[in-house]
Amino acid sequence: MTGVAFRIDAMDGAARSGEIATARIRTPAFMPVGTAGTVKAMYRIRLVTLART
């Protein structure tokens, strides 16, 4: 497989749920998204632990 493919499964307003297909990343994958404030409120070890799951 080359490149990236994205399929939208559902939409609710501006929110969407779907599947990303790539040659290197298996999905579903945990992708942490947060504001600077939410990340600052967490201990570094917790972020590392979440990233590894």
N, C-alpha and C. Protein backbone atom coordinates (compact mmCIF):
# COMPACT_ATOMS: atom_id res chain seq x y z
N MET A 1 0.85 -1.18 0.00
CA MET A 1 0.00 0.00 0.00
C MET A 1 0.89 1.23 0.00
N THR A 2 0.54 2.21 -0.77
CA THR A 2 1.27 3.47 -0.77
C THR A 2 0.33 4.59 -0.41
N GLY A 3 0.87 5.63 0.20
CA GLY A 3 0.05 6.78 0.56
C GLY A 3 -0.84 6.51 1.76
N VAL A 4 -1.88 7.33 1.85
CA VAL A 4 -2.81 7.25 2.97
C VAL A 4 -4.23 7.29 2.43
N ALA A 5 -5.09 6.47 3.00
CA ALA A 5 -6.51 6.48 2.65
C ALA A 5 -7.31 6.76 3.90
N PHE A 6 -8.35 7.58 3.79
CA PHE A 6 -9.20 7.91 4.93
C PHE A 6 -10.64 7.69 4.53
N ARG A 7 -11.35 6.90 5.33
CA ARG A 7 -12.76 6.62 5.06
C ARG A 7 -13.58 7.15 6.23
N ILE A 8 -14.58 7.96 5.97
CA ILE A 8 -15.46 8.49 7.00
C ILE A 8 -16.61 7.51 7.21
N ASP A 9 -16.77 7.06 8.45
CA ASP A 9 -17.84 6.12 8.79
C ASP A 9 -19.09 6.83 9.32
N ALA A 10 -18.91 7.93 10.06
CA ALA A 10 -20.05 8.63 10.65
C ALA A 10 -19.68 10.10 10.86
N MET A 11 -20.70 10.95 10.83
CA MET A 11 -20.50 12.38 11.09
C MET A 11 -21.58 12.87 12.03
N ASP A 12 -21.20 13.85 12.87
CA ASP A 12 -22.14 14.51 13.78
C ASP A 12 -21.69 15.97 13.88
N GLY A 13 -22.29 16.83 13.09
CA GLY A 13 -21.83 18.22 13.02
C GLY A 13 -20.45 18.24 12.38
N ALA A 14 -19.48 18.90 13.06
CA ALA A 14 -18.11 18.96 12.55
C ALA A 14 -17.29 17.73 12.94
N ALA A 15 -17.82 16.91 13.86
CA ALA A 15 -17.10 15.71 14.31
C ALA A 15 -17.27 14.59 13.29
N ARG A 16 -16.23 13.79 13.15
CA ARG A 16 -16.33 12.65 12.24
C ARG A 16 -15.54 11.48 12.79
N SER A 17 -15.99 10.31 12.45
CA SER A 17 -15.36 9.07 12.86
C SER A 17 -15.05 8.28 11.60
N GLY A 18 -13.86 7.72 11.56
CA GLY A 18 -13.51 6.97 10.36
C GLY A 18 -12.29 6.11 10.57
N GLU A 19 -11.74 5.65 9.47
CA GLU A 19 -10.59 4.76 9.50
C GLU A 19 -9.51 5.32 8.58
N ILE A 20 -8.27 5.34 9.09
CA ILE A 20 -7.12 5.76 8.30
C ILE A 20 -6.36 4.49 7.95
N ALA A 21 -6.05 4.30 6.69
CA ALA A 21 -5.27 3.14 6.25
C ALA A 21 -3.91 3.62 5.75
N THR A 22 -2.85 3.13 6.39
CA THR A 22 -1.49 3.45 5.97
C THR A 22 -0.68 2.16 5.94
N ALA A 23 0.47 2.23 5.35
CA ALA A 23 1.34 1.06 5.29
C ALA A 23 2.06 0.83 6.62
N ARG A 24 2.21 1.86 7.45
CA ARG A 24 3.02 1.74 8.65
C ARG A 24 2.27 1.81 9.97
N ILE A 25 1.08 2.40 10.00
CA ILE A 25 0.35 2.59 11.25
C ILE A 25 -0.91 1.75 11.22
N ARG A 26 -1.06 0.91 12.26
CA ARG A 26 -2.28 0.12 12.38
C ARG A 26 -3.34 0.95 13.08
N THR A 27 -4.53 0.96 12.57
CA THR A 27 -5.61 1.68 13.22
C THR A 27 -6.69 0.69 13.65
N PRO A 28 -7.48 0.96 14.69
CA PRO A 28 -7.46 2.22 15.41
C PRO A 28 -6.21 2.35 16.27
N ALA A 29 -5.73 3.56 16.37
CA ALA A 29 -4.54 3.86 17.16
C ALA A 29 -4.86 4.96 18.14
N PHE A 30 -4.24 4.92 19.31
CA PHE A 30 -4.43 5.99 20.29
C PHE A 30 -3.65 7.21 19.83
N MET A 31 -4.34 8.30 19.61
CA MET A 31 -3.69 9.54 19.20
C MET A 31 -4.09 10.62 20.20
N PRO A 32 -3.21 10.89 21.16
CA PRO A 32 -3.57 11.88 22.18
C PRO A 32 -3.67 13.27 21.58
N VAL A 33 -4.78 13.90 21.86
CA VAL A 33 -5.00 15.27 21.40
C VAL A 33 -5.48 16.07 22.61
N GLY A 34 -4.82 17.15 22.88
CA GLY A 34 -5.22 17.97 24.01
C GLY A 34 -4.63 19.36 23.91
N THR A 35 -5.18 20.25 24.70
CA THR A 35 -4.65 21.60 24.74
C THR A 35 -3.38 21.61 25.58
N ALA A 36 -2.63 22.67 25.50
CA ALA A 36 -1.41 22.80 26.31
C ALA A 36 -1.76 22.69 27.79
N GLY A 37 -2.91 23.20 28.19
CA GLY A 37 -3.32 23.15 29.59
C GLY A 37 -3.56 21.73 30.08
N THR A 38 -4.18 20.87 29.26
CA THR A 38 -4.44 19.51 29.70
C THR A 38 -3.16 18.70 29.78
N VAL A 39 -2.23 18.95 28.87
CA VAL A 39 -0.96 18.22 28.90
C VAL A 39 -0.11 18.68 30.08
N LYS A 40 -0.11 19.96 30.39
CA LYS A 40 0.65 20.49 31.53
C LYS A 40 0.13 19.93 32.85
N ALA A 41 -1.15 19.57 32.89
CA ALA A 41 -1.75 19.07 34.12
C ALA A 41 -1.43 17.60 34.38
N MET A 42 -0.75 16.93 33.46
CA MET A 42 -0.43 15.52 33.61
C MET A 42 1.05 15.34 33.88
N TYR A 43 1.37 14.32 34.66
CA TYR A 43 2.76 13.96 34.88
C TYR A 43 3.33 13.34 33.62
N ARG A 44 4.61 13.57 33.35
CA ARG A 44 5.26 13.06 32.15
C ARG A 44 5.14 11.55 32.03
N ILE A 45 5.32 10.82 33.13
CA ILE A 45 5.25 9.35 33.10
C ILE A 45 3.87 8.89 32.64
N ARG A 46 2.83 9.63 33.01
CA ARG A 46 1.46 9.27 32.60
C ARG A 46 1.31 9.43 31.09
N LEU A 47 1.87 10.52 30.54
CA LEU A 47 1.82 10.72 29.09
C LEU A 47 2.56 9.61 28.36
N VAL A 48 3.72 9.24 28.88
CA VAL A 48 4.51 8.16 28.25
C VAL A 48 3.73 6.86 28.30
N THR A 49 3.12 6.57 29.43
CA THR A 49 2.34 5.35 29.58
C THR A 49 1.17 5.32 28.60
N LEU A 50 0.47 6.43 28.48
CA LEU A 50 -0.66 6.49 27.55
C LEU A 50 -0.20 6.33 26.10
N ALA A 51 0.93 6.90 25.77
CA ALA A 51 1.44 6.83 24.39
C ALA A 51 1.83 5.41 24.01
N ARG A 52 2.21 4.60 24.98
CA ARG A 52 2.65 3.22 24.69
C ARG A 52 1.51 2.23 24.58
N THR A 53 0.30 2.63 24.95
CA THR A 53 -0.84 1.71 24.90
C THR A 53 -1.53 1.76 23.57
